[in-house]
Amino acid sequence: MQEHLPIIGWEHLGMIHLTKIYESEINFSICTFWDGGYTVRLGDDINGFIDKSMCNDTFRDAVEELITMVLKNYPNSTYAKWCKE
């Protein structure tokens, strides 16, 4: 059985948000190319992308950008409703 590393602080909260976005059936991707920052995209290759952003700092910044995109583009989603609770 694989052991999971303990996650504390923001990392845990970030994983909760990524999971909640996924469970809301909202497609997204966060990609990186070494030393090129992170590309955050809302959508998918089949249906197209509706929003895209570059983050040159940290993975945390990329996740926060994704959260902003989801709330802007899917204000009535299960995820957005969860955020308001």
PDB file of N, CA and C in Angstrom:
ATOM      1  N   MET A   1       0.842  -1.175   0.000  1.00  0.00           N
ATOM      2  CA  MET A   1       0.000   0.000   0.000  1.00  0.00           C
ATOM      3  C   MET A   1       0.894   1.247   0.000  1.00  0.00           C
ATOM      4  N   GLN A   2       0.553   2.188  -0.833  1.00  0.00           N
ATOM      5  CA  GLN A   2       1.322   3.416  -0.935  1.00  0.00           C
ATOM      6  C   GLN A   2       1.007   4.336   0.238  1.00  0.00           C
ATOM      7  N   GLU A   3       2.064   4.874   0.864  1.00  0.00           N
ATOM      8  CA  GLU A   3       1.864   5.816   1.943  1.00  0.00           C
ATOM      9  C   GLU A   3       1.809   7.220   1.364  1.00  0.00           C
ATOM     10  N   HIS A   4       0.953   8.041   1.909  1.00  0.00           N
ATOM     11  CA  HIS A   4       0.836   9.423   1.466  1.00  0.00           C
ATOM     12  C   HIS A   4       1.633  10.311   2.398  1.00  0.00           C
ATOM     13  N   LEU A   5       2.325  11.269   1.828  1.00  0.00           N
ATOM     14  CA  LEU A   5       3.052  12.229   2.632  1.00  0.00           C
ATOM     15  C   LEU A   5       2.065  13.154   3.326  1.00  0.00           C
ATOM     16  N   PRO A   6       2.366  13.572   4.537  1.00  0.00           N
ATOM     17  CA  PRO A   6       1.456  14.502   5.203  1.00  0.00           C
ATOM     18  C   PRO A   6       1.424  15.845   4.480  1.00  0.00           C
ATOM     19  N   ILE A   7       0.229  16.390   4.326  1.00  0.00           N
ATOM     20  CA  ILE A   7       0.072  17.683   3.673  1.00  0.00           C
ATOM     21  C   ILE A   7      -0.451  18.655   4.724  1.00  0.00           C
ATOM     22  N   ILE A   8       0.213  19.772   4.845  1.00  0.00           N
ATOM     23  CA  ILE A   8      -0.200  20.747   5.852  1.00  0.00           C
ATOM     24  C   ILE A   8      -0.351  22.115   5.213  1.00  0.00           C
ATOM     25  N   GLY A   9      -1.058  22.981   5.896  1.00  0.00           N
ATOM     26  CA  GLY A   9      -1.154  24.370   5.479  1.00  0.00           C
ATOM     27  C   GLY A   9      -1.823  24.565   4.131  1.00  0.00           C
ATOM     28  N   TRP A  10      -1.275  25.507   3.378  1.00  0.00           N
ATOM     29  CA  TRP A  10      -1.877  25.883   2.102  1.00  0.00           C
ATOM     30  C   TRP A  10      -1.945  24.715   1.138  1.00  0.00           C
ATOM     31  N   GLU A  11      -0.944  23.835   1.156  1.00  0.00           N
ATOM     32  CA  GLU A  11      -0.923  22.708   0.226  1.00  0.00           C
ATOM     33  C   GLU A  11      -2.188  21.870   0.376  1.00  0.00           C
ATOM     34  N   HIS A  12      -2.608  21.660   1.615  1.00  0.00           N
ATOM     35  CA  HIS A  12      -3.822  20.885   1.859  1.00  0.00           C
ATOM     36  C   HIS A  12      -5.048  21.625   1.329  1.00  0.00           C
ATOM     37  N   LEU A  13      -5.130  22.905   1.613  1.00  0.00           N
ATOM     38  CA  LEU A  13      -6.256  23.709   1.137  1.00  0.00           C
ATOM     39  C   LEU A  13      -6.292  23.739  -0.392  1.00  0.00           C
ATOM     40  N   GLY A  14      -5.122  23.883  -1.031  1.00  0.00           N
ATOM     41  CA  GLY A  14      -5.050  23.874  -2.495  1.00  0.00           C
ATOM     42  C   GLY A  14      -5.570  22.571  -3.082  1.00  0.00           C
ATOM     43  N   MET A  15      -5.206  21.439  -2.458  1.00  0.00           N
ATOM     44  CA  MET A  15      -5.676  20.138  -2.937  1.00  0.00           C
ATOM     45  C   MET A  15      -7.191  20.020  -2.777  1.00  0.00           C
ATOM     46  N   ILE A  16      -7.731  20.563  -1.704  1.00  0.00           N
ATOM     47  CA  ILE A  16      -9.186  20.536  -1.516  1.00  0.00           C
ATOM     48  C   ILE A  16      -9.863  21.315  -2.638  1.00  0.00           C
ATOM     49  N   HIS A  17      -9.340  22.494  -2.973  1.00  0.00           N
ATOM     50  CA  HIS A  17      -9.948  23.294  -4.045  1.00  0.00           C
ATOM     51  C   HIS A  17      -9.845  22.580  -5.389  1.00  0.00           C
ATOM     52  N   LEU A  18      -8.694  22.009  -5.707  1.00  0.00           N
ATOM     53  CA  LEU A  18      -8.547  21.281  -6.977  1.00  0.00           C
ATOM     54  C   LEU A  18      -9.523  20.114  -7.042  1.00  0.00           C
ATOM     55  N   THR A  19      -9.691  19.410  -5.935  1.00  0.00           N
ATOM     56  CA  THR A  19     -10.627  18.285  -5.894  1.00  0.00           C
ATOM     57  C   THR A  19     -12.063  18.759  -6.071  1.00  0.00           C
ATOM     58  N   LYS A  20     -12.439  19.846  -5.407  1.00  0.00           N
ATOM     59  CA  LYS A  20     -13.802  20.370  -5.526  1.00  0.00           C
ATOM     60  C   LYS A  20     -14.097  20.854  -6.951  1.00  0.00           C
ATOM     61  N   ILE A  21     -13.122  21.470  -7.607  1.00  0.00           N
ATOM     62  CA  ILE A  21     -13.303  21.899  -9.004  1.00  0.00           C
ATOM     63  C   ILE A  21     -13.501  20.666  -9.883  1.00  0.00           C
ATOM     64  N   TYR A  22     -12.678  19.649  -9.678  1.00  0.00           N
ATOM     65  CA  TYR A  22     -12.799  18.399 -10.432  1.00  0.00           C
ATOM     66  C   TYR A  22     -14.176  17.756 -10.210  1.00  0.00           C
ATOM     67  N   GLU A  23     -14.598  17.691  -8.953  1.00  0.00           N
ATOM     68  CA  GLU A  23     -15.899  17.084  -8.632  1.00  0.00           C
ATOM     69  C   GLU A  23     -17.062  17.874  -9.225  1.00  0.00           C
ATOM     70  N   SER A  24     -16.855  19.144  -9.530  1.00  0.00           N
ATOM     71  CA  SER A  24     -17.880  19.969 -10.171  1.00  0.00           C
ATOM     72  C   SER A  24     -17.918  19.764 -11.680  1.00  0.00           C
ATOM     73  N   GLU A  25     -17.095  18.830 -12.167  1.00  0.00           N
ATOM     74  CA  GLU A  25     -17.025  18.483 -13.594  1.00  0.00           C
ATOM     75  C   GLU A  25     -16.590  19.663 -14.448  1.00  0.00           C
ATOM     76  N   ILE A  26     -15.679  20.467 -13.906  1.00  0.00           N
ATOM     77  CA  ILE A  26     -15.097  21.590 -14.641  1.00  0.00           C
ATOM     78  C   ILE A  26     -13.720  21.157 -15.107  1.00  0.00           C
ATOM     79  N   ASN A  27     -13.521  21.177 -16.411  1.00  0.00           N
ATOM     80  CA  ASN A  27     -12.245  20.742 -16.975  1.00  0.00           C
ATOM     81  C   ASN A  27     -11.216  21.860 -16.902  1.00  0.00           C
ATOM     82  N   PHE A  28      -9.990  21.487 -16.556  1.00  0.00           N
ATOM     83  CA  PHE A  28      -8.905  22.461 -16.455  1.00  0.00           C
ATOM     84  C   PHE A  28      -7.575  21.750 -16.601  1.00  0.00           C
ATOM     85  N   SER A  29      -6.542  22.530 -16.834  1.00  0.00           N
ATOM     86  CA  SER A  29      -5.191  21.979 -16.818  1.00  0.00           C
ATOM     87  C   SER A  29      -4.236  23.032 -16.279  1.00  0.00           C
ATOM     88  N   ILE A  30      -3.238  22.550 -15.566  1.00  0.00           N
ATOM     89  CA  ILE A  30      -2.126  23.381 -15.122  1.00  0.00           C
ATOM     90  C   ILE A  30      -0.881  22.667 -15.608  1.00  0.00           C
ATOM     91  N   CYS A  31      -0.173  23.308 -16.520  1.00  0.00           N
ATOM     92  CA  CYS A  31       1.017  22.714 -17.136  1.00  0.00           C
ATOM     93  C   CYS A  31       2.238  23.562 -16.821  1.00  0.00           C
ATOM     94  N   THR A  32       3.369  22.924 -16.819  1.00  0.00           N
ATOM     95  CA  THR A  32       4.601  23.653 -16.605  1.00  0.00           C
ATOM     96  C   THR A  32       5.654  23.210 -17.604  1.00  0.00           C
ATOM     97  N   PHE A  33       6.492  24.129 -17.958  1.00  0.00           N
ATOM     98  CA  PHE A  33       7.672  23.843 -18.761  1.00  0.00           C
ATOM     99  C   PHE A  33       8.823  24.460 -17.992  1.00  0.00           C
ATOM    100  N   TRP A  34       9.801  23.668 -17.645  1.00  0.00           N
ATOM    101  CA  TRP A  34      10.858  24.104 -16.749  1.00  0.00           C
ATOM    102  C   TRP A  34      11.290  25.532 -17.029  1.00  0.00           C
ATOM    103  N   ASP A  35      11.288  26.325 -16.001  1.00  0.00           N
ATOM    104  CA  ASP A  35      11.717  27.719 -16.025  1.00  0.00           C
ATOM    105  C   ASP A  35      10.820  28.613 -16.879  1.00  0.00           C
ATOM    106  N   GLY A  36       9.664  28.092 -17.268  1.00  0.00           N
ATOM    107  CA  GLY A  36       8.749  28.883 -18.077  1.00  0.00           C
ATOM    108  C   GLY A  36       7.466  29.218 -17.350  1.00  0.00           C
ATOM    109  N   GLY A  37       7.408  28.901 -16.072  1.00  0.00           N
ATOM    110  CA  GLY A  37       6.206  29.177 -15.311  1.00  0.00           C
ATOM    111  C   GLY A  37       5.125  28.137 -15.533  1.00  0.00           C
ATOM    112  N   TYR A  38       3.917  28.524 -15.217  1.00  0.00           N
ATOM    113  CA  TYR A  38       2.759  27.631 -15.308  1.00  0.00           C
ATOM    114  C   TYR A  38       1.747  28.206 -16.285  1.00  0.00           C
ATOM    115  N   THR A  39       1.162  27.331 -17.097  1.00  0.00           N
ATOM    116  CA  THR A  39       0.058  27.702 -17.964  1.00  0.00           C
ATOM    117  C   THR A  39      -1.207  27.135 -17.343  1.00  0.00           C
ATOM    118  N   VAL A  40      -2.158  27.996 -17.062  1.00  0.00           N
ATOM    119  CA  VAL A  40      -3.431  27.592 -16.465  1.00  0.00           C
ATOM    120  C   VAL A  40      -4.495  27.746 -17.540  1.00  0.00           C
ATOM    121  N   ARG A  41      -5.211  26.664 -17.813  1.00  0.00           N
ATOM    122  CA  ARG A  41      -6.253  26.713 -18.849  1.00  0.00           C
ATOM    123  C   ARG A  41      -7.554  26.129 -18.306  1.00  0.00           C
ATOM    124  N   LEU A  42      -8.631  26.782 -18.631  1.00  0.00           N
ATOM    125  CA  LEU A  42      -9.963  26.331 -18.234  1.00  0.00           C
ATOM    126  C   LEU A  42     -10.630  25.781 -19.488  1.00  0.00           C
ATOM    127  N   GLY A  43     -10.981  24.508 -19.452  1.00  0.00           N
ATOM    128  CA  GLY A  43     -11.544  23.826 -20.608  1.00  0.00           C
ATOM    129  C   GLY A  43     -10.749  22.570 -20.899  1.00  0.00           C
ATOM    130  N   ASP A  44     -10.841  22.093 -22.153  1.00  0.00           N
ATOM    131  CA  ASP A  44     -10.131  20.873 -22.528  1.00  0.00           C
ATOM    132  C   ASP A  44      -9.866  20.848 -24.022  1.00  0.00           C
ATOM    133  N   ASP A  45      -9.054  19.878 -24.442  1.00  0.00           N
ATOM    134  CA  ASP A  45      -8.665  19.760 -25.850  1.00  0.00           C
ATOM    135  C   ASP A  45      -9.842  19.422 -26.765  1.00  0.00           C
ATOM    136  N   ILE A  46     -10.835  18.719 -26.270  1.00  0.00           N
ATOM    137  CA  ILE A  46     -11.959  18.301 -27.104  1.00  0.00           C
ATOM    138  C   ILE A  46     -12.975  19.423 -27.293  1.00  0.00           C
ATOM    139  N   ASN A  47     -13.344  20.081 -26.200  1.00  0.00           N
ATOM    140  CA  ASN A  47     -14.385  21.110 -26.251  1.00  0.00           C
ATOM    141  C   ASN A  47     -13.847  22.527 -26.372  1.00  0.00           C
ATOM    142  N   GLY A  48     -12.554  22.662 -26.268  1.00  0.00           N
ATOM    143  CA  GLY A  48     -11.933  23.978 -26.361  1.00  0.00           C
ATOM    144  C   GLY A  48     -11.681  24.594 -24.998  1.00  0.00           C
ATOM    145  N   PHE A  49     -10.909  25.655 -24.998  1.00  0.00           N
ATOM    146  CA  PHE A  49     -10.554  26.363 -23.776  1.00  0.00           C
ATOM    147  C   PHE A  49     -11.257  27.709 -23.758  1.00  0.00           C
ATOM    148  N   ILE A  50     -11.788  28.082 -22.599  1.00  0.00           N
ATOM    149  CA  ILE A  50     -12.519  29.341 -22.499  1.00  0.00           C
ATOM    150  C   ILE A  50     -11.728  30.423 -21.774  1.00  0.00           C
ATOM    151  N   ASP A  51     -10.637  30.024 -21.129  1.00  0.00           N
ATOM    152  CA  ASP A  51      -9.795  30.995 -20.434  1.00  0.00           C
ATOM    153  C   ASP A  51      -8.385  30.422 -20.314  1.00  0.00           C
ATOM    154  N   LYS A  52      -7.399  31.303 -20.336  1.00  0.00           N
ATOM    155  CA  LYS A  52      -6.003  30.868 -20.262  1.00  0.00           C
ATOM    156  C   LYS A  52      -5.180  31.970 -19.610  1.00  0.00           C
ATOM    157  N   SER A  53      -4.196  31.561 -18.815  1.00  0.00           N
ATOM    158  CA  SER A  53      -3.344  32.532 -18.148  1.00  0.00           C
ATOM    159  C   SER A  53      -1.966  31.929 -17.917  1.00  0.00           C
ATOM    160  N   MET A  54      -0.968  32.792 -17.821  1.00  0.00           N
ATOM    161  CA  MET A  54       0.394  32.368 -17.483  1.00  0.00           C
ATOM    162  C   MET A  54       0.725  32.878 -16.088  1.00  0.00           C
ATOM    163  N   CYS A  55       1.337  32.022 -15.290  1.00  0.00           N
ATOM    164  CA  CYS A  55       1.801  32.404 -13.953  1.00  0.00           C
ATOM    165  C   CYS A  55       3.283  32.065 -13.886  1.00  0.00           C
ATOM    166  N   ASN A  56       4.099  33.045 -13.645  1.00  0.00           N
ATOM    167  CA  ASN A  56       5.545  32.827 -13.652  1.00  0.00           C
ATOM    168  C   ASN A  56       6.132  32.632 -12.264  1.00  0.00           C
ATOM    169  N   ASP A  57       5.298  32.573 -11.244  1.00  0.00           N
ATOM    170  CA  ASP A  57       5.830  32.484  -9.897  1.00  0.00           C
ATOM    171  C   ASP A  57       5.727  31.068  -9.335  1.00  0.00           C
ATOM    172  N   THR A  58       4.705  30.791  -8.568  1.00  0.00           N
ATOM    173  CA  THR A  58       4.615  29.518  -7.858  1.00  0.00           C
ATOM    174  C   THR A  58       3.385  28.726  -8.283  1.00  0.00           C
ATOM    175  N   PHE A  59       3.379  27.449  -7.907  1.00  0.00           N
ATOM    176  CA  PHE A  59       2.211  26.616  -8.161  1.00  0.00           C
ATOM    177  C   PHE A  59       0.998  27.164  -7.407  1.00  0.00           C
ATOM    178  N   ARG A  60       1.243  27.693  -6.240  1.00  0.00           N
ATOM    179  CA  ARG A  60       0.154  28.313  -5.474  1.00  0.00           C
ATOM    180  C   ARG A  60      -0.503  29.422  -6.285  1.00  0.00           C
ATOM    181  N   ASP A  61       0.303  30.265  -6.939  1.00  0.00           N
ATOM    182  CA  ASP A  61      -0.252  31.331  -7.781  1.00  0.00           C
ATOM    183  C   ASP A  61      -1.090  30.742  -8.916  1.00  0.00           C
ATOM    184  N   ALA A  62      -0.627  29.632  -9.483  1.00  0.00           N
ATOM    185  CA  ALA A  62      -1.362  28.994 -10.580  1.00  0.00           C
ATOM    186  C   ALA A  62      -2.714  28.482 -10.087  1.00  0.00           C
ATOM    187  N   VAL A  63      -2.744  27.863  -8.908  1.00  0.00           N
ATOM    188  CA  VAL A  63      -4.008  27.365  -8.360  1.00  0.00           C
ATOM    189  C   VAL A  63      -4.941  28.530  -8.045  1.00  0.00           C
ATOM    190  N   GLU A  64      -4.408  29.598  -7.487  1.00  0.00           N
ATOM    191  CA  GLU A  64      -5.241  30.766  -7.196  1.00  0.00           C
ATOM    192  C   GLU A  64      -5.799  31.382  -8.478  1.00  0.00           C
ATOM    193  N   GLU A  65      -5.013  31.383  -9.540  1.00  0.00           N
ATOM    194  CA  GLU A  65      -5.498  31.880 -10.842  1.00  0.00           C
ATOM    195  C   GLU A  65      -6.616  30.984 -11.366  1.00  0.00           C
ATOM    196  N   LEU A  66      -6.466  29.676 -11.221  1.00  0.00           N
ATOM    197  CA  LEU A  66      -7.513  28.742 -11.643  1.00  0.00           C
ATOM    198  C   LEU A  66      -8.802  29.012 -10.869  1.00  0.00           C
ATOM    199  N   ILE A  67      -8.699  29.192  -9.570  1.00  0.00           N
ATOM    200  CA  ILE A  67      -9.878  29.471  -8.748  1.00  0.00           C
ATOM    201  C   ILE A  67     -10.587  30.732  -9.249  1.00  0.00           C
ATOM    202  N   THR A  68      -9.822  31.765  -9.535  1.00  0.00           N
ATOM    203  CA  THR A  68     -10.395  33.010 -10.054  1.00  0.00           C
ATOM    204  C   THR A  68     -11.115  32.768 -11.372  1.00  0.00           C
ATOM    205  N   MET A  69     -10.496  31.998 -12.271  1.00  0.00           N
ATOM    206  CA  MET A  69     -11.108  31.692 -13.568  1.00  0.00           C
ATOM    207  C   MET A  69     -12.422  30.939 -13.401  1.00  0.00           C
ATOM    208  N   VAL A  70     -12.418  29.937 -12.521  1.00  0.00           N
ATOM    209  CA  VAL A  70     -13.624  29.125 -12.319  1.00  0.00           C
ATOM    210  C   VAL A  70     -14.756  29.980 -11.772  1.00  0.00           C
ATOM    211  N   LEU A  71     -14.474  30.799 -10.776  1.00  0.00           N
ATOM    212  CA  LEU A  71     -15.523  31.636 -10.192  1.00  0.00           C
ATOM    213  C   LEU A  71     -16.066  32.647 -11.190  1.00  0.00           C
ATOM    214  N   LYS A  72     -15.200  33.138 -12.078  1.00  0.00           N
ATOM    215  CA  LYS A  72     -15.630  34.106 -13.103  1.00  0.00           C
ATOM    216  C   LYS A  72     -16.470  33.433 -14.188  1.00  0.00           C
ATOM    217  N   ASN A  73     -16.041  32.273 -14.650  1.00  0.00           N
ATOM    218  CA  ASN A  73     -16.687  31.617 -15.790  1.00  0.00           C
ATOM    219  C   ASN A  73     -17.807  30.651 -15.406  1.00  0.00           C
ATOM    220  N   TYR A  74     -17.804  30.180 -14.176  1.00  0.00           N
ATOM    221  CA  TYR A  74     -18.829  29.229 -13.712  1.00  0.00           C
ATOM    222  C   TYR A  74     -19.403  29.691 -12.368  1.00  0.00           C
ATOM    223  N   PRO A  75     -20.035  30.863 -12.336  1.00  0.00           N
ATOM    224  CA  PRO A  75     -20.524  31.400 -11.060  1.00  0.00           C
ATOM    225  C   PRO A  75     -21.648  30.591 -10.423  1.00  0.00           C
ATOM    226  N   ASN A  76     -22.314  29.740 -11.197  1.00  0.00           N
ATOM    227  CA  ASN A  76     -23.411  28.939 -10.657  1.00  0.00           C
ATOM    228  C   ASN A  76     -23.038  27.471 -10.471  1.00  0.00           C
ATOM    229  N   SER A  77     -21.757  27.177 -10.580  1.00  0.00           N
ATOM    230  CA  SER A  77     -21.303  25.791 -10.454  1.00  0.00           C
ATOM    231  C   SER A  77     -21.386  25.304  -9.013  1.00  0.00           C
ATOM    232  N   THR A  78     -21.328  24.004  -8.855  1.00  0.00           N
ATOM    233  CA  THR A  78     -21.289  23.408  -7.526  1.00  0.00           C
ATOM    234  C   THR A  78     -20.086  23.936  -6.758  1.00  0.00           C
ATOM    235  N   TYR A  79     -18.975  24.111  -7.452  1.00  0.00           N
ATOM    236  CA  TYR A  79     -17.766  24.633  -6.809  1.00  0.00           C
ATOM    237  C   TYR A  79     -17.994  26.049  -6.287  1.00  0.00           C
ATOM    238  N   ALA A  80     -18.565  26.919  -7.106  1.00  0.00           N
ATOM    239  CA  ALA A  80     -18.810  28.310  -6.686  1.00  0.00           C
ATOM    240  C   ALA A  80     -19.754  28.349  -5.493  1.00  0.00           C
ATOM    241  N   LYS A  81     -20.767  27.493  -5.497  1.00  0.00           N
ATOM    242  CA  LYS A  81     -21.699  27.425  -4.375  1.00  0.00           C
ATOM    243  C   LYS A  81     -20.973  26.959  -3.125  1.00  0.00           C
ATOM    244  N   TRP A  82     -20.084  25.982  -3.258  1.00  0.00           N
ATOM    245  CA  TRP A  82     -19.284  25.487  -2.121  1.00  0.00           C
ATOM    246  C   TRP A  82     -18.421  26.606  -1.552  1.00  0.00           C
ATOM    247  N   CYS A  83     -17.850  27.428  -2.418  1.00  0.00           N
ATOM    248  CA  CYS A  83     -17.001  28.539  -1.963  1.00  0.00           C
ATOM    249  C   CYS A  83     -17.778  29.547  -1.139  1.00  0.00           C
ATOM    250  N   LYS A  84     -19.055  29.692  -1.434  1.00  0.00           N
ATOM    251  CA  LYS A  84     -19.885  30.674  -0.732  1.00  0.00           C
ATOM    252  C   LYS A  84     -20.381  30.166   0.625  1.00  0.00           C
ATOM    253  N   GLU A  85     -20.251  28.863   0.848  1.00  0.00           N
ATOM    254  CA  GLU A  85     -20.739  28.290   2.122  1.00  0.00           C
ATOM    255  C   GLU A  85     -19.896  28.727   3.289  1.00  0.00           C
TER     256      GLU A  85
END
